[in-house]
C-alpha atoms as a PDB file:
ATOM      1  CA  UNK A   1      84.158 116.366 128.324  1.00  0.00           C
ATOM      2  CA  UNK A   2      87.130 114.020 127.537  1.00  0.00           C
ATOM      3  CA  UNK A   3      86.352 111.383 124.686  1.00  0.00           C
ATOM      4  CA  UNK A   4      86.969 108.554 127.527  1.00  0.00           C
ATOM      5  CA  UNK A   5      84.090 109.689 128.633  1.00  0.00           C
ATOM      6  CA  UNK A   6      82.127 110.084 125.720  1.00  0.00           C
ATOM      7  CA  UNK A   7      82.385 106.706 125.300  1.00  0.00           C
ATOM      8  CA  UNK A   8      80.918 105.979 128.466  1.00  0.00           C
ATOM      9  CA  UNK A   9      82.937 102.895 128.700  1.00  0.00           C
ATOM     10  CA  UNK A  10      82.383 100.395 125.151  1.00  0.00           C
ATOM     11  CA  UNK A  11      84.996  99.759 122.872  1.00  0.00           C
ATOM     12  CA  UNK A  12      86.169 102.775 121.021  1.00  0.00           C
ATOM     13  CA  UNK A  13      86.923 101.937 117.075  1.00  0.00           C
ATOM     14  CA  UNK A  14      88.525 104.668 114.765  1.00  0.00           C
ATOM     15  CA  UNK A  15      88.059 103.699 110.819  1.00  0.00           C
ATOM     16  CA  UNK A  16      88.455 104.919 108.211  1.00  0.00           C
ATOM     17  CA  UNK A  17      85.495 106.703 106.740  1.00  0.00           C
ATOM     18  CA  UNK A  18      86.431 105.520 102.880  1.00  0.00           C
ATOM     19  CA  UNK A  19      86.247 101.618 104.299  1.00  0.00           C
ATOM     20  CA  UNK A  20      83.310 100.481 102.130  1.00  0.00           C
ATOM     21  CA  UNK A  21      80.452  98.918 103.824  1.00  0.00           C
ATOM     22  CA  UNK A  22      81.117  98.999 107.096  1.00  0.00           C
ATOM     23  CA  UNK A  23      79.003 101.652 108.339  1.00  0.00           C
ATOM     24  CA  UNK A  24      76.239  99.950 110.625  1.00  0.00           C
ATOM     25  CA  UNK A  25      78.149  96.377 111.167  1.00  0.00           C
ATOM     26  CA  UNK A  26      80.380  97.758 114.501  1.00  0.00           C
ATOM     27  CA  UNK A  27      77.815 100.514 116.299  1.00  0.00           C
ATOM     28  CA  UNK A  28      75.876  97.609 118.478  1.00  0.00           C
ATOM     29  CA  UNK A  29      79.253  96.674 119.887  1.00  0.00           C
ATOM     30  CA  UNK A  30      81.779  99.856 119.714  1.00  0.00           C
ATOM     31  CA  UNK A  31      81.554 103.707 119.627  1.00  0.00           C
ATOM     32  CA  UNK A  32      82.905 103.872 116.047  1.00  0.00           C
ATOM     33  CA  UNK A  33      84.706 107.314 115.345  1.00  0.00           C
ATOM     34  CA  UNK A  34      84.655 107.334 110.989  1.00  0.00           C
ATOM     35  CA  UNK A  35      87.681 109.861 110.343  1.00  0.00           C
ATOM     36  CA  UNK A  36      90.017 111.011 106.771  1.00  0.00           C
ATOM     37  CA  UNK A  37      92.663 108.541 106.983  1.00  0.00           C
ATOM     38  CA  UNK A  38      95.187 112.449 107.154  1.00  0.00           C
ATOM     39  CA  UNK A  39      93.410 112.861 110.278  1.00  0.00           C
ATOM     40  CA  UNK A  40      94.904 109.932 111.972  1.00  0.00           C
ATOM     41  CA  UNK A  41      96.794 111.503 114.803  1.00  0.00           C
ATOM     42  CA  UNK A  42      98.290 110.385 117.829  1.00  0.00           C
ATOM     43  CA  UNK A  43      94.856 112.418 119.427  1.00  0.00           C
ATOM     44  CA  UNK A  44      93.135 111.228 117.626  1.00  0.00           C
ATOM     45  CA  UNK A  45      93.955 107.162 118.321  1.00  0.00           C
ATOM     46  CA  UNK A  46      94.593 107.984 122.338  1.00  0.00           C
ATOM     47  CA  UNK A  47      91.825 106.747 123.624  1.00  0.00           C
ATOM     48  CA  UNK A  48      90.751 103.834 120.980  1.00  0.00           C
ATOM     49  CA  UNK A  49      91.210 100.205 121.500  1.00  0.00           C
ATOM     50  CA  UNK A  50      91.008  99.285 117.774  1.00  0.00           C
ATOM     51  CA  UNK A  51      91.422 101.205 114.870  1.00  0.00           C
ATOM     52  CA  UNK A  52      90.630 100.350 111.135  1.00  0.00           C
ATOM     53  CA  UNK A  53      92.579 102.002 108.186  1.00  0.00           C
ATOM     54  CA  UNK A  54      93.621 101.343 104.795  1.00  0.00           C
ATOM     55  CA  UNK A  55      97.172 101.851 103.071  1.00  0.00           C
ATOM     56  CA  UNK A  56      98.351 105.663 103.480  1.00  0.00           C
ATOM     57  CA  UNK A  57      97.734 105.196 107.273  1.00  0.00           C
ATOM     58  CA  UNK A  58     101.150 104.400 109.219  1.00  0.00           C
ATOM     59  CA  UNK A  59     100.584 102.364 112.369  1.00  0.00           C
ATOM     60  CA  UNK A  60     103.769 102.624 114.623  1.00  0.00           C
ATOM     61  CA  UNK A  61     105.090 103.665 117.575  1.00  0.00           C
ATOM     62  CA  UNK A  62     104.423 107.263 116.746  1.00  0.00           C
ATOM     63  CA  UNK A  63     100.764 106.867 115.674  1.00  0.00           C
ATOM     64  CA  UNK A  64     100.599 103.903 118.992  1.00  0.00           C
ATOM     65  CA  UNK A  65     102.604 104.529 121.325  1.00  0.00           C
ATOM     66  CA  UNK A  66     100.852 106.819 123.614  1.00  0.00           C
ATOM     67  CA  UNK A  67      97.112 104.912 122.959  1.00  0.00           C
ATOM     68  CA  UNK A  68      95.694 102.058 124.145  1.00  0.00           C
ATOM     69  CA  UNK A  69      95.018 100.235 120.573  1.00  0.00           C
ATOM     70  CA  UNK A  70      94.854  96.530 121.590  1.00  0.00           C
ATOM     71  CA  UNK A  71      94.087  95.774 117.930  1.00  0.00           C
ATOM     72  CA  UNK A  72      94.552  97.186 114.219  1.00  0.00           C
ATOM     73  CA  UNK A  73      93.711  96.017 110.379  1.00  0.00           C
ATOM     74  CA  UNK A  74      93.594  97.405 107.431  1.00  0.00           C
ATOM     75  CA  UNK A  75      91.351  96.765 104.585  1.00  0.00           C
ATOM     76  CA  UNK A  76      94.200  95.958 102.211  1.00  0.00           C
ATOM     77  CA  UNK A  77      96.394  92.921 101.064  1.00  0.00           C
ATOM     78  CA  UNK A  78      99.498  94.663 101.833  1.00  0.00           C
ATOM     79  CA  UNK A  79     101.001  95.290 105.657  1.00  0.00           C
ATOM     80  CA  UNK A  80     104.148  97.724 104.568  1.00  0.00           C
ATOM     81  CA  UNK A  81     102.237 100.633 106.560  1.00  0.00           C
ATOM     82  CA  UNK A  82     102.276  98.286 109.561  1.00  0.00           C
ATOM     83  CA  UNK A  83     105.685  98.718 111.207  1.00  0.00           C
ATOM     84  CA  UNK A  84     104.931  94.746 112.950  1.00  0.00           C
ATOM     85  CA  UNK A  85     108.133  94.316 114.771  1.00  0.00           C
ATOM     86  CA  UNK A  86     106.938  97.379 117.094  1.00  0.00           C
ATOM     87  CA  UNK A  87     103.326  96.076 116.960  1.00  0.00           C
ATOM     88  CA  UNK A  88     104.217  92.892 118.437  1.00  0.00           C
ATOM     89  CA  UNK A  89     106.400  94.348 120.969  1.00  0.00           C
ATOM     90  CA  UNK A  90     103.306  96.493 122.174  1.00  0.00           C
ATOM     91  CA  UNK A  91     100.655  93.974 122.380  1.00  0.00           C
ATOM     92  CA  UNK A  92      98.870  95.139 119.177  1.00  0.00           C
ATOM     93  CA  UNK A  93      97.007  92.661 117.274  1.00  0.00           C
ATOM     94  CA  UNK A  94      97.568  93.265 113.472  1.00  0.00           C
ATOM     95  CA  UNK A  95      95.713  91.703 110.414  1.00  0.00           C
ATOM     96  CA  UNK A  96      95.252  92.790 106.753  1.00  0.00           C
ATOM     97  CA  UNK A  97      92.967  91.038 103.993  1.00  0.00           C
ATOM     98  CA  UNK A  98      94.873  89.150 102.366  1.00  0.00           C
ATOM     99  CA  UNK A  99      93.902  88.318  98.890  1.00  0.00           C
ATOM    100  CA  UNK A 100      90.941  90.436  99.182  1.00  0.00           C
ATOM    101  CA  UNK A 101      91.257  91.809  95.920  1.00  0.00           C
ATOM    102  CA  UNK A 102      93.430  89.324  93.968  1.00  0.00           C
ATOM    103  CA  UNK A 103      90.884  88.745  91.217  1.00  0.00           C
ATOM    104  CA  UNK A 104      90.306  92.217  90.664  1.00  0.00           C
ATOM    105  CA  UNK A 105      94.275  92.871  90.302  1.00  0.00           C
ATOM    106  CA  UNK A 106      94.733  89.874  88.243  1.00  0.00           C
ATOM    107  CA  UNK A 107      91.548  91.647  86.070  1.00  0.00           C
ATOM    108  CA  UNK A 108      93.732  95.025  85.591  1.00  0.00           C
ATOM    109  CA  UNK A 109      96.370  92.861  84.560  1.00  0.00           C
ATOM    110  CA  UNK A 110      94.982  90.775  81.797  1.00  0.00           C
ATOM    111  CA  UNK A 111      92.633  93.517  80.872  1.00  0.00           C
ATOM    112  CA  UNK A 112      95.879  95.689  79.686  1.00  0.00           C
ATOM    113  CA  UNK A 113      97.845  92.885  78.146  1.00  0.00           C
ATOM    114  CA  UNK A 114      94.840  91.946  76.009  1.00  0.00           C
ATOM    115  CA  UNK A 115      94.004  95.932  75.261  1.00  0.00           C
ATOM    116  CA  UNK A 116      97.454  95.818  73.939  1.00  0.00           C
ATOM    117  CA  UNK A 117      97.986  92.232  73.055  1.00  0.00           C
ATOM    118  CA  UNK A 118      94.746  90.578  71.281  1.00  0.00           C
ATOM    119  CA  UNK A 119      96.521  87.962  70.383  1.00  0.00           C
ATOM    120  CA  UNK A 120      98.806  85.900  72.958  1.00  0.00           C
ATOM    121  CA  UNK A 121     100.253  83.587  70.350  1.00  0.00           C
ATOM    122  CA  UNK A 122     104.097  84.039  70.627  1.00  0.00           C
ATOM    123  CA  UNK A 123     104.009  85.523  73.698  1.00  0.00           C
ATOM    124  CA  UNK A 124     106.362  84.141  76.681  1.00  0.00           C
ATOM    125  CA  UNK A 125     104.526  86.155  79.813  1.00  0.00           C
ATOM    126  CA  UNK A 126     106.443  86.654  83.091  1.00  0.00           C
ATOM    127  CA  UNK A 127     104.549  86.545  86.551  1.00  0.00           C
ATOM    128  CA  UNK A 128     107.024  87.839  89.213  1.00  0.00           C
ATOM    129  CA  UNK A 129     105.752  86.876  92.724  1.00  0.00           C
ATOM    130  CA  UNK A 130     103.231  83.927  93.224  1.00  0.00           C
ATOM    131  CA  UNK A 131     101.208  84.533  95.757  1.00  0.00           C
ATOM    132  CA  UNK A 132      97.738  85.189  95.570  1.00  0.00           C
ATOM    133  CA  UNK A 133      97.688  87.525  93.471  1.00  0.00           C
ATOM    134  CA  UNK A 134     100.420  86.286  91.333  1.00  0.00           C
ATOM    135  CA  UNK A 135      98.684  82.814  91.274  1.00  0.00           C
ATOM    136  CA  UNK A 136      95.305  83.801  89.822  1.00  0.00           C
ATOM    137  CA  UNK A 137      97.099  86.364  87.442  1.00  0.00           C
ATOM    138  CA  UNK A 138      98.886  82.851  86.402  1.00  0.00           C
ATOM    139  CA  UNK A 139      95.817  80.768  86.259  1.00  0.00           C
ATOM    140  CA  UNK A 140      93.871  82.683  84.219  1.00  0.00           C
ATOM    141  CA  UNK A 141      96.748  83.154  81.849  1.00  0.00           C
ATOM    142  CA  UNK A 142      97.012  79.390  81.460  1.00  0.00           C
ATOM    143  CA  UNK A 143      93.337  79.066  80.803  1.00  0.00           C
ATOM    144  CA  UNK A 144      93.647  81.748  77.821  1.00  0.00           C
ATOM    145  CA  UNK A 145      96.689  79.691  76.474  1.00  0.00           C
ATOM    146  CA  UNK A 146      99.479  82.137  77.778  1.00  0.00           C
ATOM    147  CA  UNK A 147     102.780  80.442  78.284  1.00  0.00           C
ATOM    148  CA  UNK A 148     103.652  81.705  81.824  1.00  0.00           C
ATOM    149  CA  UNK A 149     106.352  81.732  83.486  1.00  0.00           C
ATOM    150  CA  UNK A 150     107.132  82.242  86.826  1.00  0.00           C
ATOM    151  CA  UNK A 151     109.721  83.577  89.515  1.00  0.00           C
ATOM    152  CA  UNK A 152     109.669  83.833  92.955  1.00  0.00           C
ATOM    153  CA  UNK A 153     112.345  82.566  95.284  1.00  0.00           C
ATOM    154  CA  UNK A 154     110.605  82.504  98.355  1.00  0.00           C
ATOM    155  CA  UNK A 155     108.027  80.493  97.778  1.00  0.00           C
ATOM    156  CA  UNK A 156     110.783  78.126  95.712  1.00  0.00           C
ATOM    157  CA  UNK A 157     112.971  77.991  98.904  1.00  0.00           C
ATOM    158  CA  UNK A 158     109.324  76.510 101.142  1.00  0.00           C
ATOM    159  CA  UNK A 159     109.142  73.569  98.027  1.00  0.00           C
ATOM    160  CA  UNK A 160     106.564  75.215  96.259  1.00  0.00           C
ATOM    161  CA  UNK A 161     107.881  74.790  92.600  1.00  0.00           C
ATOM    162  CA  UNK A 162     106.172  75.581  89.169  1.00  0.00           C
ATOM    163  CA  UNK A 163     106.883  73.612  86.334  1.00  0.00           C
ATOM    164  CA  UNK A 164     107.800  77.097  84.114  1.00  0.00           C
ATOM    165  CA  UNK A 165     110.275  78.163  86.801  1.00  0.00           C
ATOM    166  CA  UNK A 166     113.071  80.490  85.500  1.00  0.00           C
ATOM    167  CA  UNK A 167     115.163  83.409  88.132  1.00  0.00           C
ATOM    168  CA  UNK A 168     114.138  86.675  87.513  1.00  0.00           C
ATOM    169  CA  UNK A 169     116.855  88.371  85.926  1.00  0.00           C
ATOM    170  CA  UNK A 170     116.773  85.124  82.889  1.00  0.00           C
ATOM    171  CA  UNK A 171     113.182  86.066  83.069  1.00  0.00           C
ATOM    172  CA  UNK A 172     112.963  89.730  82.560  1.00  0.00           C
ATOM    173  CA  UNK A 173     115.246  88.931  79.265  1.00  0.00           C
ATOM    174  CA  UNK A 174     113.325  85.872  78.013  1.00  0.00           C
ATOM    175  CA  UNK A 175     109.506  87.616  78.008  1.00  0.00           C
ATOM    176  CA  UNK A 176     107.592  89.822  76.210  1.00  0.00           C
ATOM    177  CA  UNK A 177     105.566  90.916  79.136  1.00  0.00           C
ATOM    178  CA  UNK A 178     106.464  90.865  82.611  1.00  0.00           C
ATOM    179  CA  UNK A 179     104.246  91.725  85.598  1.00  0.00           C
ATOM    180  CA  UNK A 180     105.365  92.118  89.144  1.00  0.00           C
ATOM    181  CA  UNK A 181     102.842  90.739  92.264  1.00  0.00           C
ATOM    182  CA  UNK A 182     105.618  90.823  95.139  1.00  0.00           C
ATOM    183  CA  UNK A 183     105.110  92.352  98.187  1.00  0.00           C
ATOM    184  CA  UNK A 184     107.696  95.382  99.035  1.00  0.00           C
ATOM    185  CA  UNK A 185     110.322  95.189 101.161  1.00  0.00           C
ATOM    186  CA  UNK A 186     113.853  96.415 102.181  1.00  0.00           C
ATOM    187  CA  UNK A 187     114.946  93.627 104.703  1.00  0.00           C
ATOM    188  CA  UNK A 188     114.846  90.290 104.897  1.00  0.00           C
ATOM    189  CA  UNK A 189     116.831  87.619 102.289  1.00  0.00           C
ATOM    190  CA  UNK A 190     114.924  88.367  98.915  1.00  0.00           C
ATOM    191  CA  UNK A 191     113.761  92.329  99.734  1.00  0.00           C
ATOM    192  CA  UNK A 192     111.910  93.711  96.823  1.00  0.00           C
ATOM    193  CA  UNK A 193     113.057  97.353  97.074  1.00  0.00           C
ATOM    194  CA  UNK A 194     114.115  97.766  93.433  1.00  0.00           C
ATOM    195  CA  UNK A 195     113.324  95.044  92.448  1.00  0.00           C
ATOM    196  CA  UNK A 196     113.469  95.571  89.024  1.00  0.00           C
ATOM    197  CA  UNK A 197     116.013  98.110  88.561  1.00  0.00           C
ATOM    198  CA  UNK A 198     118.929  99.409  85.760  1.00  0.00           C
ATOM    199  CA  UNK A 199     120.485  95.513  85.825  1.00  0.00           C
ATOM    200  CA  UNK A 200     117.297  93.682  84.622  1.00  0.00           C
ATOM    201  CA  UNK A 201     115.261  96.194  82.894  1.00  0.00           C
ATOM    202  CA  UNK A 202     117.547  97.017  80.319  1.00  0.00           C
ATOM    203  CA  UNK A 203     117.941  93.526  79.438  1.00  0.00           C
ATOM    204  CA  UNK A 204     114.170  93.377  78.262  1.00  0.00           C
ATOM    205  CA  UNK A 205     113.746  93.076  75.181  1.00  0.00           C
ATOM    206  CA  UNK A 206     112.844  96.051  73.266  1.00  0.00           C
ATOM    207  CA  UNK A 207     109.434  96.763  73.234  1.00  0.00           C
ATOM    208  CA  UNK A 208     108.851  94.453  75.760  1.00  0.00           C
ATOM    209  CA  UNK A 209     105.864  95.536  78.152  1.00  0.00           C
ATOM    210  CA  UNK A 210     106.582  95.790  82.078  1.00  0.00           C
ATOM    211  CA  UNK A 211     103.009  95.775  84.511  1.00  0.00           C
ATOM    212  CA  UNK A 212     103.836  97.186  87.993  1.00  0.00           C
ATOM    213  CA  UNK A 213     100.107  96.511  89.989  1.00  0.00           C
ATOM    214  CA  UNK A 214     102.438  95.602  93.371  1.00  0.00           C
ATOM    215  CA  UNK A 215     103.762  98.442  95.057  1.00  0.00           C
ATOM    216  CA  UNK A 216     105.622 101.516  93.508  1.00  0.00           C
ATOM    217  CA  UNK A 217     108.948 100.808  95.413  1.00  0.00           C
ATOM    218  CA  UNK A 218     109.402  97.511  93.882  1.00  0.00           C
ATOM    219  CA  UNK A 219     110.062  99.234  90.333  1.00  0.00           C
ATOM    220  CA  UNK A 220     113.250 101.201  90.131  1.00  0.00           C
ATOM    221  CA  UNK A 221     111.129 104.732  89.002  1.00  0.00           C
ATOM    222  CA  UNK A 222     113.653 106.731  87.816  1.00  0.00           C
ATOM    223  CA  UNK A 223     115.533 104.019  85.009  1.00  0.00           C
ATOM    224  CA  UNK A 224     111.642 103.334  84.320  1.00  0.00           C
ATOM    225  CA  UNK A 225     110.843 106.487  82.807  1.00  0.00           C
ATOM    226  CA  UNK A 226     114.711 106.545  80.933  1.00  0.00           C
ATOM    227  CA  UNK A 227     113.733 103.781  79.596  1.00  0.00           C
ATOM    228  CA  UNK A 228     111.369 105.097  78.282  1.00  0.00           C
ATOM    229  CA  UNK A 229     112.432 107.735  77.097  1.00  0.00           C
ATOM    230  CA  UNK A 230     114.841 105.536  75.183  1.00  0.00           C
ATOM    231  CA  UNK A 231     112.217 103.801  73.925  1.00  0.00           C
ATOM    232  CA  UNK A 232     113.446 100.528  75.156  1.00  0.00           C
ATOM    233  CA  UNK A 233     110.509  99.404  76.612  1.00  0.00           C
ATOM    234  CA  UNK A 234     106.726  99.876  77.773  1.00  0.00           C
ATOM    235  CA  UNK A 235     104.752 100.135  80.608  1.00  0.00           C
ATOM    236  CA  UNK A 236     101.412 100.087  82.801  1.00  0.00           C
ATOM    237  CA  UNK A 237     101.579 101.160  85.992  1.00  0.00           C
ATOM    238  CA  UNK A 238      98.891 101.268  88.215  1.00  0.00           C
ATOM    239  CA  UNK A 239     101.269 101.638  91.788  1.00  0.00           C
ATOM    240  CA  UNK A 240     104.239 104.434  91.797  1.00  0.00           C
ATOM    241  CA  UNK A 241     107.191 105.554  93.820  1.00  0.00           C
ATOM    242  CA  UNK A 242     106.723 108.068  96.177  1.00  0.00           C
ATOM    243  CA  UNK A 243     102.806 108.182  96.035  1.00  0.00           C
ATOM    244  CA  UNK A 244     100.758 110.391  96.183  1.00  0.00           C
ATOM    245  CA  UNK A 245     103.551 112.672  94.831  1.00  0.00           C
ATOM    246  CA  UNK A 246     104.187 110.340  91.343  1.00  0.00           C
ATOM    247  CA  UNK A 247     106.450 111.799  88.154  1.00  0.00           C
ATOM    248  CA  UNK A 248     103.791 113.162  86.046  1.00  0.00           C
ATOM    249  CA  UNK A 249     106.738 112.862  82.907  1.00  0.00           C
ATOM    250  CA  UNK A 250     106.662 109.625  83.694  1.00  0.00           C
ATOM    251  CA  UNK A 251     103.007 109.390  83.665  1.00  0.00           C
ATOM    252  CA  UNK A 252     103.480 110.638  80.180  1.00  0.00           C
ATOM    253  CA  UNK A 253     105.483 107.523  78.388  1.00  0.00           C
ATOM    254  CA  UNK A 254     103.572 104.884  79.688  1.00  0.00           C
ATOM    255  CA  UNK A 255     100.871 102.865  77.792  1.00  0.00           C
ATOM    256  CA  UNK A 256      98.429 102.798  80.945  1.00  0.00           C
ATOM    257  CA  UNK A 257      98.761 104.333  84.157  1.00  0.00           C
ATOM    258  CA  UNK A 258      96.197 104.543  86.875  1.00  0.00           C
ATOM    259  CA  UNK A 259      96.276 105.642  90.382  1.00  0.00           C
ATOM    260  CA  UNK A 260      96.401 102.653  92.267  1.00  0.00           C
ATOM    261  CA  UNK A 261      93.040 101.227  91.849  1.00  0.00           C
ATOM    262  CA  UNK A 262      93.947  97.519  89.849  1.00  0.00           C
ATOM    263  CA  UNK A 263      92.299  96.306  93.015  1.00  0.00           C
ATOM    264  CA  UNK A 264      89.718  98.314  93.464  1.00  0.00           C
ATOM    265  CA  UNK A 265      86.633  96.074  91.980  1.00  0.00           C
ATOM    266  CA  UNK A 266      83.543  95.328  94.180  1.00  0.00           C
ATOM    267  CA  UNK A 267      83.936  92.644  95.459  1.00  0.00           C
ATOM    268  CA  UNK A 268      87.595  93.096  96.312  1.00  0.00           C
ATOM    269  CA  UNK A 269      85.869  96.132  98.771  1.00  0.00           C
ATOM    270  CA  UNK A 270      83.273  93.674  99.794  1.00  0.00           C
ATOM    271  CA  UNK A 271      86.241  90.519 100.620  1.00  0.00           C
ATOM    272  CA  UNK A 272      88.651  93.203 102.352  1.00  0.00           C
ATOM    273  CA  UNK A 273      85.917  94.562 104.910  1.00  0.00           C
ATOM    274  CA  UNK A 274      84.577  91.092 105.375  1.00  0.00           C
ATOM    275  CA  UNK A 275      87.766  89.864 106.509  1.00  0.00           C
ATOM    276  CA  UNK A 276      88.426  92.994 108.819  1.00  0.00           C
ATOM    277  CA  UNK A 277      84.914  92.456 110.661  1.00  0.00           C
ATOM    278  CA  UNK A 278      85.960  89.043 110.885  1.00  0.00           C
ATOM    279  CA  UNK A 279      88.913  89.721 112.382  1.00  0.00           C
ATOM    280  CA  UNK A 280      87.716  92.004 114.632  1.00  0.00           C
ATOM    281  CA  UNK A 281      84.823  90.215 115.523  1.00  0.00           C
ATOM    282  CA  UNK A 282      87.212  86.906 116.881  1.00  0.00           C
ATOM    283  CA  UNK A 283      89.534  89.672 118.843  1.00  0.00           C
ATOM    284  CA  UNK A 284      86.613  91.353 120.876  1.00  0.00           C
ATOM    285  CA  UNK A 285      83.883  87.876 120.808  1.00  0.00           C
ATOM    286  CA  UNK A 286      81.548  89.639 118.914  1.00  0.00           C
ATOM    287  CA  UNK A 287      78.652  88.366 115.968  1.00  0.00           C
ATOM    288  CA  UNK A 288      79.113  91.123 113.789  1.00  0.00           C
ATOM    289  CA  UNK A 289      76.845  90.544 110.807  1.00  0.00           C
ATOM    290  CA  UNK A 290      78.086  90.297 107.361  1.00  0.00           C
ATOM    291  CA  UNK A 291      75.117  90.204 105.245  1.00  0.00           C
ATOM    292  CA  UNK A 292      75.714  90.967 101.421  1.00  0.00           C
ATOM    293  CA  UNK A 293      79.417  90.739 101.577  1.00  0.00           C
ATOM    294  CA  UNK A 294      81.280  89.192  98.537  1.00  0.00           C
ATOM    295  CA  UNK A 295      82.402  85.592  99.570  1.00  0.00           C
ATOM    296  CA  UNK A 296      85.896  84.221  99.160  1.00  0.00           C
ATOM    297  CA  UNK A 297      86.952  83.524  95.633  1.00  0.00           C
ATOM    298  CA  UNK A 298      86.698  80.334  93.594  1.00  0.00           C
ATOM    299  CA  UNK A 299      88.920  79.641  90.400  1.00  0.00           C
ATOM    300  CA  UNK A 300      87.441  79.070  86.657  1.00  0.00           C
ATOM    301  CA  UNK A 301      87.393  76.081  84.897  1.00  0.00           C
ATOM    302  CA  UNK A 302      87.794  78.260  81.883  1.00  0.00           C
ATOM    303  CA  UNK A 303      88.435  81.924  81.069  1.00  0.00           C
ATOM    304  CA  UNK A 304      87.178  83.245  77.301  1.00  0.00           C
ATOM    305  CA  UNK A 305      89.220  86.963  76.825  1.00  0.00           C
ATOM    306  CA  UNK A 306      85.941  88.511  76.401  1.00  0.00           C
ATOM    307  CA  UNK A 307      84.799  87.556  79.545  1.00  0.00           C
ATOM    308  CA  UNK A 308      87.486  89.932  80.594  1.00  0.00           C
ATOM    309  CA  UNK A 309      87.741  92.322  78.073  1.00  0.00           C
ATOM    310  CA  UNK A 310      83.998  93.329  78.204  1.00  0.00           C
ATOM    311  CA  UNK A 311      84.339  93.151  82.258  1.00  0.00           C
ATOM    312  CA  UNK A 312      86.703  96.304  82.174  1.00  0.00           C
ATOM    313  CA  UNK A 313      89.551  98.285  79.944  1.00  0.00           C
ATOM    314  CA  UNK A 314      92.249  99.806  81.901  1.00  0.00           C
ATOM    315  CA  UNK A 315      93.139 102.535  79.697  1.00  0.00           C
ATOM    316  CA  UNK A 316      89.581 103.787  80.548  1.00  0.00           C
ATOM    317  CA  UNK A 317      90.384 104.823  83.853  1.00  0.00           C
ATOM    318  CA  UNK A 318      94.301 106.845  82.520  1.00  0.00           C
ATOM    319  CA  UNK A 319      92.258 110.343  81.454  1.00  0.00           C
ATOM    320  CA  UNK A 320      91.328 110.694  84.795  1.00  0.00           C
ATOM    321  CA  UNK A 321      95.137 110.847  86.348  1.00  0.00           C
ATOM    322  CA  UNK A 322      96.705 112.703  83.667  1.00  0.00           C
ATOM    323  CA  UNK A 323      94.280 115.124  84.027  1.00  0.00           C
ATOM    324  CA  UNK A 324      94.208 114.994  87.635  1.00  0.00           C
ATOM    325  CA  UNK A 325      97.179 113.315  89.142  1.00  0.00           C
ATOM    326  CA  UNK A 326      97.970 116.094  91.682  1.00  0.00           C
ATOM    327  CA  UNK A 327      94.958 114.816  93.298  1.00  0.00           C
ATOM    328  CA  UNK A 328      95.975 111.495  93.237  1.00  0.00           C
ATOM    329  CA  UNK A 329      94.349 110.225  96.620  1.00  0.00           C
ATOM    330  CA  UNK A 330      90.971 112.012  95.602  1.00  0.00           C
ATOM    331  CA  UNK A 331      90.883 109.904  92.590  1.00  0.00           C
ATOM    332  CA  UNK A 332      91.130 106.747  94.174  1.00  0.00           C
ATOM    333  CA  UNK A 333      88.618 107.727  97.346  1.00  0.00           C
ATOM    334  CA  UNK A 334      86.342 108.721  94.547  1.00  0.00           C
ATOM    335  CA  UNK A 335      86.887 105.578  92.379  1.00  0.00           C
ATOM    336  CA  UNK A 336      83.790 103.683  91.195  1.00  0.00           C
ATOM    337  CA  UNK A 337      84.325 100.221  92.402  1.00  0.00           C
ATOM    338  CA  UNK A 338      83.770  97.621  89.453  1.00  0.00           C
ATOM    339  CA  UNK A 339      82.181  94.289  89.121  1.00  0.00           C
ATOM    340  CA  UNK A 340      84.887  91.514  88.475  1.00  0.00           C
ATOM    341  CA  UNK A 341      84.821  88.992  85.675  1.00  0.00           C
ATOM    342  CA  UNK A 342      81.821  86.872  85.720  1.00  0.00           C
ATOM    343  CA  UNK A 343      82.692  83.624  84.351  1.00  0.00           C
ATOM    344  CA  UNK A 344      80.261  81.415  83.057  1.00  0.00           C
ATOM    345  CA  UNK A 345      81.251  77.877  84.329  1.00  0.00           C
ATOM    346  CA  UNK A 346      83.161  78.910  87.568  1.00  0.00           C
ATOM    347  CA  UNK A 347      80.563  76.861  89.659  1.00  0.00           C
END
């Protein structure tokens, strides 16, 4: 029996088996096949109408050129694994889950900062990229009483301003902590490949902290390793160049190193699944059960340090990576999601 005959005329969805809270919600409308991310292949998706994937599945001509796929969604904020130009030319609707895990990443960033700097007084903290994640990181910092400086040229060009805006090189030179929250791009007017590089990282204050919870290629890892070896700066790294094959020597040098799990909050995972379910339901005209999935984030009125530090300590996740860095993807797949901070006055 061919896959087409097996589907019996129903819509066929091929989904990553590790997308949480998904099972049972689309089965009333379609045949859903759950596979591991390494099993996505032209043969596996040839008769699919829709794909639901995560960060490792590249949706492009190589995967989808011979398929009948008309819709693809990733349960992540990033789209760098989607060839958007080709998908559009092929008539394939593509979507992601923007902002779904932004509070979780902010929890990671501020959890790490407060572990290393319990007293924020006198520190300048630079936020590079003020989109979904960077906006929350900056907001939480200001509510914690920190001095926050911002750099985001694309937003500035669109008229979005910040009272404490600095060009990137100046920000990196003046700040005690610099945290990156940009997409990963190689083209366009503001490519972010190696945005942190030998020139600007080399100008950072001695002992300054660099945080990358964006995408691995945003930071030049070879240069970072050299600067850490020379003890010029420090680093907290959640996203690595060449994932899942990170540099084990770089891992030994960072203050905190984790396996790309900064955004792995319970609510973030629920939001991501809800958002791709809403998108696929809209595309096919279905009414899907979204019961139990987290709503959009609402900013708290104020924040206490303890609300963050008691919710999560990023250093707790470092030992697992040190002991099993060669099993990077397995660590991510088996990661036990954590609740986001509960801010007492958010209502």
